[in-house]
Amino acid sequence: LLVYDNGTIEESRFENIASHLPEGAMLVFNNTRVVRA
């Protein structure tokens, strides 16, 4: 996980993403499903 925060860049792991988000943030997923098209 690359974290860009107002000009600064640091490296992390995606499993730690919560520690890089503001407390109580609301995440929005796209729940579409890929079709065997």
ModelCIF file with pLDDT and N, C-alpha, C, O atoms, coordinates in Angstrom:
data_MODEL
#
_entry.id   MODEL 
#
_entity.id                         1 
_entity.type                       polymer 
_entity.pdbx_number_of_molecules   1 
#
_entity_poly.entity_id                      1 
_entity_poly.type                           'polypeptide(L)' 
_entity_poly.nstd_linkage                   no 
_entity_poly.nstd_monomer                   no 
_entity_poly.pdbx_seq_one_letter_code       LLVYDNGTIEESRFENIASHLPEGAMLVFNNTRVVRA 
_entity_poly.pdbx_seq_one_letter_code_can   LLVYDNGTIEESRFENIASHLPEGAMLVFNNTRVVRA 
_entity_poly.pdbx_strand_id                 A 
#
loop_
_entity_poly_seq.entity_id 
_entity_poly_seq.num 
_entity_poly_seq.mon_id 
_entity_poly_seq.hetero 
1 1  LEU n 
1 2  LEU n 
1 3  VAL n 
1 4  TYR n 
1 5  ASP n 
1 6  ASN n 
1 7  GLY n 
1 8  THR n 
1 9  ILE n 
1 10 GLU n 
1 11 GLU n 
1 12 SER n 
1 13 ARG n 
1 14 PHE n 
1 15 GLU n 
1 16 ASN n 
1 17 ILE n 
1 18 ALA n 
1 19 SER n 
1 20 HIS n 
1 21 LEU n 
1 22 PRO n 
1 23 GLU n 
1 24 GLY n 
1 25 ALA n 
1 26 MET n 
1 27 LEU n 
1 28 VAL n 
1 29 PHE n 
1 30 ASN n 
1 31 ASN n 
1 32 THR n 
1 33 ARG n 
1 34 VAL n 
1 35 VAL n 
1 36 ARG n 
1 37 ALA n 
#
_struct_asym.id          A 
_struct_asym.entity_id   1 
#
loop_
_ma_qa_metric.id 
_ma_qa_metric.mode 
_ma_qa_metric.name 
_ma_qa_metric.software_group_id 
_ma_qa_metric.type 
1 global pLDDT . pLDDT 
2 local  pLDDT . pLDDT 
#
_ma_qa_metric_global.metric_id      1 
_ma_qa_metric_global.metric_value   97.32 
_ma_qa_metric_global.model_id       1 
_ma_qa_metric_global.ordinal_id     1 
#
loop_
_ma_qa_metric_local.label_asym_id 
_ma_qa_metric_local.label_comp_id 
_ma_qa_metric_local.label_seq_id 
_ma_qa_metric_local.metric_id 
_ma_qa_metric_local.metric_value 
_ma_qa_metric_local.model_id 
_ma_qa_metric_local.ordinal_id 
A LEU 1  2 98.00 1 1  
A LEU 2  2 98.00 1 2  
A VAL 3  2 98.00 1 3  
A TYR 4  2 98.00 1 4  
A ASP 5  2 98.00 1 5  
A ASN 6  2 97.00 1 6  
A GLY 7  2 97.00 1 7  
A THR 8  2 98.00 1 8  
A ILE 9  2 98.00 1 9  
A GLU 10 2 98.00 1 10 
A GLU 11 2 98.00 1 11 
A SER 12 2 98.00 1 12 
A ARG 13 2 98.00 1 13 
A PHE 14 2 98.00 1 14 
A GLU 15 2 98.00 1 15 
A ASN 16 2 98.00 1 16 
A ILE 17 2 98.00 1 17 
A ALA 18 2 98.00 1 18 
A SER 19 2 98.00 1 19 
A HIS 20 2 98.00 1 20 
A LEU 21 2 98.00 1 21 
A PRO 22 2 96.00 1 22 
A GLU 23 2 94.00 1 23 
A GLY 24 2 95.00 1 24 
A ALA 25 2 98.00 1 25 
A MET 26 2 98.00 1 26 
A LEU 27 2 98.00 1 27 
A VAL 28 2 98.00 1 28 
A PHE 29 2 98.00 1 29 
A ASN 30 2 98.00 1 30 
A ASN 31 2 98.00 1 31 
A THR 32 2 97.00 1 32 
A ARG 33 2 97.00 1 33 
A VAL 34 2 97.00 1 34 
A VAL 35 2 95.00 1 35 
A ARG 36 2 95.00 1 36 
A ALA 37 2 93.00 1 37 
#
loop_
_atom_site.group_PDB 
_atom_site.id 
_atom_site.type_symbol 
_atom_site.label_atom_id 
_atom_site.label_alt_id 
_atom_site.label_comp_id 
_atom_site.label_asym_id 
_atom_site.label_entity_id 
_atom_site.label_seq_id 
_atom_site.pdbx_PDB_ins_code 
_atom_site.Cartn_x 
_atom_site.Cartn_y 
_atom_site.Cartn_z 
_atom_site.occupancy 
_atom_site.B_iso_or_equiv 
_atom_site.pdbx_formal_charge 
_atom_site.auth_seq_id 
_atom_site.auth_comp_id 
_atom_site.auth_asym_id 
_atom_site.auth_atom_id 
_atom_site.pdbx_PDB_model_num 
ATOM 1   N N  . LEU A 1 1  ? 0.846   -1.189  0.000   1.00 98.00 ? 1  LEU A N  1 
ATOM 2   C CA . LEU A 1 1  ? 0.000   0.000   0.000   1.00 98.00 ? 1  LEU A CA 1 
ATOM 3   C C  . LEU A 1 1  ? 0.883   1.241   0.000   1.00 98.00 ? 1  LEU A C  1 
ATOM 4   O O  . LEU A 1 1  ? 1.688   1.434   0.911   1.00 98.00 ? 1  LEU A O  1 
ATOM 5   N N  . LEU A 1 2  ? 0.737   2.068   -1.001  1.00 98.00 ? 2  LEU A N  1 
ATOM 6   C CA . LEU A 1 2  ? 1.410   3.366   -1.030  1.00 98.00 ? 2  LEU A CA 1 
ATOM 7   C C  . LEU A 1 2  ? 0.444   4.383   -0.430  1.00 98.00 ? 2  LEU A C  1 
ATOM 8   O O  . LEU A 1 2  ? -0.700  4.503   -0.868  1.00 98.00 ? 2  LEU A O  1 
ATOM 9   N N  . VAL A 1 3  ? 0.916   5.104   0.564   1.00 98.00 ? 3  VAL A N  1 
ATOM 10  C CA . VAL A 1 3  ? 0.084   6.121   1.208   1.00 98.00 ? 3  VAL A CA 1 
ATOM 11  C C  . VAL A 1 3  ? 0.594   7.496   0.813   1.00 98.00 ? 3  VAL A C  1 
ATOM 12  O O  . VAL A 1 3  ? 1.717   7.875   1.147   1.00 98.00 ? 3  VAL A O  1 
ATOM 13  N N  . TYR A 1 4  ? -0.245  8.242   0.097   1.00 98.00 ? 4  TYR A N  1 
ATOM 14  C CA . TYR A 1 4  ? 0.067   9.632   -0.263  1.00 98.00 ? 4  TYR A CA 1 
ATOM 15  C C  . TYR A 1 4  ? -0.778  10.531  0.632   1.00 98.00 ? 4  TYR A C  1 
ATOM 16  O O  . TYR A 1 4  ? -2.008  10.492  0.585   1.00 98.00 ? 4  TYR A O  1 
ATOM 17  N N  . ASP A 1 5  ? -0.108  11.338  1.446   1.00 98.00 ? 5  ASP A N  1 
ATOM 18  C CA . ASP A 1 5  ? -0.813  12.175  2.411   1.00 98.00 ? 5  ASP A CA 1 
ATOM 19  C C  . ASP A 1 5  ? -0.339  13.617  2.267   1.00 98.00 ? 5  ASP A C  1 
ATOM 20  O O  . ASP A 1 5  ? 0.658   14.023  2.864   1.00 98.00 ? 5  ASP A O  1 
ATOM 21  N N  . ASN A 1 6  ? -1.082  14.386  1.457   1.00 97.00 ? 6  ASN A N  1 
ATOM 22  C CA . ASN A 1 6  ? -0.785  15.808  1.280   1.00 97.00 ? 6  ASN A CA 1 
ATOM 23  C C  . ASN A 1 6  ? 0.676   16.067  0.916   1.00 97.00 ? 6  ASN A C  1 
ATOM 24  O O  . ASN A 1 6  ? 1.313   16.969  1.461   1.00 97.00 ? 6  ASN A O  1 
ATOM 25  N N  . GLY A 1 7  ? 1.191   15.268  -0.006  1.00 97.00 ? 7  GLY A N  1 
ATOM 26  C CA . GLY A 1 7  ? 2.541   15.490  -0.510  1.00 97.00 ? 7  GLY A CA 1 
ATOM 27  C C  . GLY A 1 7  ? 3.586   14.523  0.011   1.00 97.00 ? 7  GLY A C  1 
ATOM 28  O O  . GLY A 1 7  ? 4.631   14.345  -0.616  1.00 97.00 ? 7  GLY A O  1 
ATOM 29  N N  . THR A 1 8  ? 3.320   13.893  1.154   1.00 98.00 ? 8  THR A N  1 
ATOM 30  C CA . THR A 1 8  ? 4.268   12.911  1.675   1.00 98.00 ? 8  THR A CA 1 
ATOM 31  C C  . THR A 1 8  ? 3.888   11.508  1.189   1.00 98.00 ? 8  THR A C  1 
ATOM 32  O O  . THR A 1 8  ? 2.710   11.208  0.993   1.00 98.00 ? 8  THR A O  1 
ATOM 33  N N  . ILE A 1 9  ? 4.895   10.660  0.999   1.00 98.00 ? 9  ILE A N  1 
ATOM 34  C CA . ILE A 1 9  ? 4.682   9.302   0.504   1.00 98.00 ? 9  ILE A CA 1 
ATOM 35  C C  . ILE A 1 9  ? 5.341   8.323   1.452   1.00 98.00 ? 9  ILE A C  1 
ATOM 36  O O  . ILE A 1 9  ? 6.500   8.499   1.828   1.00 98.00 ? 9  ILE A O  1 
ATOM 37  N N  . GLU A 1 10 ? 4.609   7.292   1.839   1.00 98.00 ? 10 GLU A N  1 
ATOM 38  C CA . GLU A 1 10 ? 5.190   6.219   2.629   1.00 98.00 ? 10 GLU A CA 1 
ATOM 39  C C  . GLU A 1 10 ? 4.635   4.881   2.158   1.00 98.00 ? 10 GLU A C  1 
ATOM 40  O O  . GLU A 1 10 ? 3.613   4.822   1.475   1.00 98.00 ? 10 GLU A O  1 
ATOM 41  N N  . GLU A 1 11 ? 5.322   3.818   2.534   1.00 98.00 ? 11 GLU A N  1 
ATOM 42  C CA . GLU A 1 11 ? 4.927   2.472   2.113   1.00 98.00 ? 11 GLU A CA 1 
ATOM 43  C C  . GLU A 1 11 ? 4.381   1.699   3.295   1.00 98.00 ? 11 GLU A C  1 
ATOM 44  O O  . GLU A 1 11 ? 4.911   1.778   4.403   1.00 98.00 ? 11 GLU A O  1 
ATOM 45  N N  . SER A 1 12 ? 3.310   0.946   3.050   1.00 98.00 ? 12 SER A N  1 
ATOM 46  C CA . SER A 1 12 ? 2.694   0.145   4.099   1.00 98.00 ? 12 SER A CA 1 
ATOM 47  C C  . SER A 1 12 ? 2.172   -1.152  3.475   1.00 98.00 ? 12 SER A C  1 
ATOM 48  O O  . SER A 1 12 ? 2.537   -1.498  2.351   1.00 98.00 ? 12 SER A O  1 
ATOM 49  N N  . ARG A 1 13 ? 1.321   -1.861  4.209   1.00 98.00 ? 13 ARG A N  1 
ATOM 50  C CA . ARG A 1 13 ? 0.630   -3.047  3.710   1.00 98.00 ? 13 ARG A CA 1 
ATOM 51  C C  . ARG A 1 13 ? -0.871  -2.782  3.740   1.00 98.00 ? 13 ARG A C  1 
ATOM 52  O O  . ARG A 1 13 ? -1.368  -2.058  4.603   1.00 98.00 ? 13 ARG A O  1 
ATOM 53  N N  . PHE A 1 14 ? -1.577  -3.369  2.801   1.00 98.00 ? 14 PHE A N  1 
ATOM 54  C CA . PHE A 1 14 ? -3.009  -3.070  2.731   1.00 98.00 ? 14 PHE A CA 1 
ATOM 55  C C  . PHE A 1 14 ? -3.731  -3.501  4.002   1.00 98.00 ? 14 PHE A C  1 
ATOM 56  O O  . PHE A 1 14 ? -4.695  -2.854  4.411   1.00 98.00 ? 14 PHE A O  1 
ATOM 57  N N  . GLU A 1 15 ? -3.287  -4.567  4.624   1.00 98.00 ? 15 GLU A N  1 
ATOM 58  C CA . GLU A 1 15 ? -3.933  -5.041  5.844   1.00 98.00 ? 15 GLU A CA 1 
ATOM 59  C C  . GLU A 1 15 ? -3.868  -3.999  6.961   1.00 98.00 ? 15 GLU A C  1 
ATOM 60  O O  . GLU A 1 15 ? -4.603  -4.097  7.944   1.00 98.00 ? 15 GLU A O  1 
ATOM 61  N N  . ASN A 1 16 ? -2.983  -2.992  6.814   1.00 98.00 ? 16 ASN A N  1 
ATOM 62  C CA . ASN A 1 16 ? -2.850  -1.933  7.820   1.00 98.00 ? 16 ASN A CA 1 
ATOM 63  C C  . ASN A 1 16 ? -3.542  -0.640  7.413   1.00 98.00 ? 16 ASN A C  1 
ATOM 64  O O  . ASN A 1 16 ? -3.286  0.412   7.998   1.00 98.00 ? 16 ASN A O  1 
ATOM 65  N N  . ILE A 1 17 ? -4.415  -0.712  6.419   1.00 98.00 ? 17 ILE A N  1 
ATOM 66  C CA . ILE A 1 17 ? -4.984  0.529   5.869   1.00 98.00 ? 17 ILE A CA 1 
ATOM 67  C C  . ILE A 1 17 ? -5.762  1.325   6.914   1.00 98.00 ? 17 ILE A C  1 
ATOM 68  O O  . ILE A 1 17 ? -5.810  2.552   6.840   1.00 98.00 ? 17 ILE A O  1 
ATOM 69  N N  . ALA A 1 18 ? -6.364  0.653   7.873   1.00 98.00 ? 18 ALA A N  1 
ATOM 70  C CA . ALA A 1 18 ? -7.153  1.362   8.890   1.00 98.00 ? 18 ALA A CA 1 
ATOM 71  C C  . ALA A 1 18 ? -6.318  2.386   9.650   1.00 98.00 ? 18 ALA A C  1 
ATOM 72  O O  . ALA A 1 18 ? -6.823  3.438   10.040  1.00 98.00 ? 18 ALA A O  1 
ATOM 73  N N  . SER A 1 19 ? -5.038  2.077   9.859   1.00 98.00 ? 19 SER A N  1 
ATOM 74  C CA . SER A 1 19 ? -4.175  2.991   10.615  1.00 98.00 ? 19 SER A CA 1 
ATOM 75  C C  . SER A 1 19 ? -3.828  4.243   9.820   1.00 98.00 ? 19 SER A C  1 
ATOM 76  O O  . SER A 1 19 ? -3.281  5.195   10.377  1.00 98.00 ? 19 SER A O  1 
ATOM 77  N N  . HIS A 1 20 ? -4.136  4.257   8.538   1.00 98.00 ? 20 HIS A N  1 
ATOM 78  C CA . HIS A 1 20 ? -3.843  5.415   7.700   1.00 98.00 ? 20 HIS A CA 1 
ATOM 79  C C  . HIS A 1 20 ? -5.095  6.226   7.349   1.00 98.00 ? 20 HIS A C  1 
ATOM 80  O O  . HIS A 1 20 ? -5.020  7.206   6.608   1.00 98.00 ? 20 HIS A O  1 
ATOM 81  N N  . LEU A 1 21 ? -6.246  5.807   7.890   1.00 98.00 ? 21 LEU A N  1 
ATOM 82  C CA . LEU A 1 21 ? -7.497  6.511   7.619   1.00 98.00 ? 21 LEU A CA 1 
ATOM 83  C C  . LEU A 1 21 ? -7.959  7.276   8.854   1.00 98.00 ? 21 LEU A C  1 
ATOM 84  O O  . LEU A 1 21 ? -7.667  6.875   9.981   1.00 98.00 ? 21 LEU A O  1 
ATOM 85  N N  . PRO A 1 22 ? -8.678  8.376   8.646   1.00 96.00 ? 22 PRO A N  1 
ATOM 86  C CA . PRO A 1 22 ? -9.198  9.125   9.799   1.00 96.00 ? 22 PRO A CA 1 
ATOM 87  C C  . PRO A 1 22 ? -10.185 8.269   10.590  1.00 96.00 ? 22 PRO A C  1 
ATOM 88  O O  . PRO A 1 22 ? -10.877 7.422   10.026  1.00 96.00 ? 22 PRO A O  1 
ATOM 89  N N  . GLU A 1 23 ? -10.240 8.494   11.867  1.00 94.00 ? 23 GLU A N  1 
ATOM 90  C CA . GLU A 1 23 ? -11.160 7.762   12.733  1.00 94.00 ? 23 GLU A CA 1 
ATOM 91  C C  . GLU A 1 23 ? -12.597 7.951   12.248  1.00 94.00 ? 23 GLU A C  1 
ATOM 92  O O  . GLU A 1 23 ? -13.021 9.068   11.952  1.00 94.00 ? 23 GLU A O  1 
ATOM 93  N N  . GLY A 1 24 ? -13.337 6.850   12.170  1.00 95.00 ? 24 GLY A N  1 
ATOM 94  C CA . GLY A 1 24 ? -14.743 6.922   11.777  1.00 95.00 ? 24 GLY A CA 1 
ATOM 95  C C  . GLY A 1 24 ? -14.987 7.169   10.307  1.00 95.00 ? 24 GLY A C  1 
ATOM 96  O O  . GLY A 1 24 ? -16.097 7.543   9.926   1.00 95.00 ? 24 GLY A O  1 
ATOM 97  N N  . ALA A 1 25 ? -13.981 6.972   9.465   1.00 98.00 ? 25 ALA A N  1 
ATOM 98  C CA . ALA A 1 25 ? -14.163 7.192   8.026   1.00 98.00 ? 25 ALA A CA 1 
ATOM 99  C C  . ALA A 1 25 ? -15.217 6.238   7.462   1.00 98.00 ? 25 ALA A C  1 
ATOM 100 O O  . ALA A 1 25 ? -15.398 5.128   7.962   1.00 98.00 ? 25 ALA A O  1 
ATOM 101 N N  . MET A 1 26 ? -15.906 6.690   6.414   1.00 98.00 ? 26 MET A N  1 
ATOM 102 C CA . MET A 1 26 ? -16.938 5.899   5.755   1.00 98.00 ? 26 MET A CA 1 
ATOM 103 C C  . MET A 1 26 ? -16.403 5.434   4.400   1.00 98.00 ? 26 MET A C  1 
ATOM 104 O O  . MET A 1 26 ? -16.163 6.253   3.513   1.00 98.00 ? 26 MET A O  1 
ATOM 105 N N  . LEU A 1 27 ? -16.217 4.127   4.240   1.00 98.00 ? 27 LEU A N  1 
ATOM 106 C CA . LEU A 1 27 ? -15.712 3.576   2.991   1.00 98.00 ? 27 LEU A CA 1 
ATOM 107 C C  . LEU A 1 27 ? -16.883 3.169   2.093   1.00 98.00 ? 27 LEU A C  1 
ATOM 108 O O  . LEU A 1 27 ? -17.871 2.608   2.567   1.00 98.00 ? 27 LEU A O  1 
ATOM 109 N N  . VAL A 1 28 ? -16.764 3.450   0.811   1.00 98.00 ? 28 VAL A N  1 
ATOM 110 C CA . VAL A 1 28 ? -17.838 3.140   -0.140  1.00 98.00 ? 28 VAL A CA 1 
ATOM 111 C C  . VAL A 1 28 ? -17.331 2.133   -1.162  1.00 98.00 ? 28 VAL A C  1 
ATOM 112 O O  . VAL A 1 28 ? -16.397 2.405   -1.916  1.00 98.00 ? 28 VAL A O  1 
ATOM 113 N N  . PHE A 1 29 ? -17.968 0.956   -1.172  1.00 98.00 ? 29 PHE A N  1 
ATOM 114 C CA . PHE A 1 29 ? -17.626 -0.114  -2.099  1.00 98.00 ? 29 PHE A CA 1 
ATOM 115 C C  . PHE A 1 29 ? -18.510 -0.056  -3.345  1.00 98.00 ? 29 PHE A C  1 
ATOM 116 O O  . PHE A 1 29 ? -19.643 0.421   -3.290  1.00 98.00 ? 29 PHE A O  1 
ATOM 117 N N  . ASN A 1 30 ? -17.989 -0.540  -4.448  1.00 98.00 ? 30 ASN A N  1 
ATOM 118 C CA . ASN A 1 30 ? -18.797 -0.823  -5.635  1.00 98.00 ? 30 ASN A CA 1 
ATOM 119 C C  . ASN A 1 30 ? -19.085 -2.322  -5.616  1.00 98.00 ? 30 ASN A C  1 
ATOM 120 O O  . ASN A 1 30 ? -18.181 -3.133  -5.815  1.00 98.00 ? 30 ASN A O  1 
ATOM 121 N N  . ASN A 1 31 ? -20.341 -2.687  -5.377  1.00 98.00 ? 31 ASN A N  1 
ATOM 122 C CA . ASN A 1 31 ? -20.683 -4.093  -5.177  1.00 98.00 ? 31 ASN A CA 1 
ATOM 123 C C  . ASN A 1 31 ? -21.055 -4.826  -6.464  1.00 98.00 ? 31 ASN A C  1 
ATOM 124 O O  . ASN A 1 31 ? -21.703 -5.872  -6.417  1.00 98.00 ? 31 ASN A O  1 
ATOM 125 N N  . THR A 1 32 ? -20.651 -4.288  -7.604  1.00 97.00 ? 32 THR A N  1 
ATOM 126 C CA . THR A 1 32 ? -20.915 -4.985  -8.861  1.00 97.00 ? 32 THR A CA 1 
ATOM 127 C C  . THR A 1 32 ? -20.174 -6.317  -8.909  1.00 97.00 ? 32 THR A C  1 
ATOM 128 O O  . THR A 1 32 ? -19.139 -6.492  -8.267  1.00 97.00 ? 32 THR A O  1 
ATOM 129 N N  . ARG A 1 33 ? -20.718 -7.239  -9.673  1.00 97.00 ? 33 ARG A N  1 
ATOM 130 C CA . ARG A 1 33 ? -20.110 -8.559  -9.830  1.00 97.00 ? 33 ARG A CA 1 
ATOM 131 C C  . ARG A 1 33 ? -19.737 -8.767  -11.292 1.00 97.00 ? 33 ARG A C  1 
ATOM 132 O O  . ARG A 1 33 ? -20.525 -8.459  -12.187 1.00 97.00 ? 33 ARG A O  1 
ATOM 133 N N  . VAL A 1 34 ? -18.540 -9.289  -11.535 1.00 97.00 ? 34 VAL A N  1 
ATOM 134 C CA . VAL A 1 34 ? -18.082 -9.530  -12.900 1.00 97.00 ? 34 VAL A CA 1 
ATOM 135 C C  . VAL A 1 34 ? -18.834 -10.723 -13.487 1.00 97.00 ? 34 VAL A C  1 
ATOM 136 O O  . VAL A 1 34 ? -18.947 -11.781 -12.866 1.00 97.00 ? 34 VAL A O  1 
ATOM 137 N N  . VAL A 1 35 ? -19.338 -10.522 -14.685 1.00 95.00 ? 35 VAL A N  1 
ATOM 138 C CA . VAL A 1 35 ? -20.086 -11.558 -15.391 1.00 95.00 ? 35 VAL A CA 1 
ATOM 139 C C  . VAL A 1 35 ? -19.124 -12.423 -16.204 1.00 95.00 ? 35 VAL A C  1 
ATOM 140 O O  . VAL A 1 35 ? -18.117 -11.930 -16.711 1.00 95.00 ? 35 VAL A O  1 
ATOM 141 N N  . ARG A 1 36 ? -19.433 -13.689 -16.323 1.00 95.00 ? 36 ARG A N  1 
ATOM 142 C CA . ARG A 1 36 ? -18.659 -14.572 -17.224 1.00 95.00 ? 36 ARG A CA 1 
ATOM 143 C C  . ARG A 1 36 ? -19.075 -14.238 -18.653 1.00 95.00 ? 36 ARG A C  1 
ATOM 144 O O  . ARG A 1 36 ? -19.800 -14.990 -19.305 1.00 95.00 ? 36 ARG A O  1 
ATOM 145 N N  . ALA A 1 37 ? -18.598 -13.099 -19.113 1.00 93.00 ? 37 ALA A N  1 
ATOM 146 C CA . ALA A 1 37 ? -19.165 -12.471 -20.314 1.00 93.00 ? 37 ALA A CA 1 
ATOM 147 C C  . ALA A 1 37 ? -18.562 -12.950 -21.627 1.00 93.00 ? 37 ALA A C  1 
ATOM 148 O O  . ALA A 1 37 ? -18.964 -12.489 -22.695 1.00 93.00 ? 37 ALA A O  1 
#
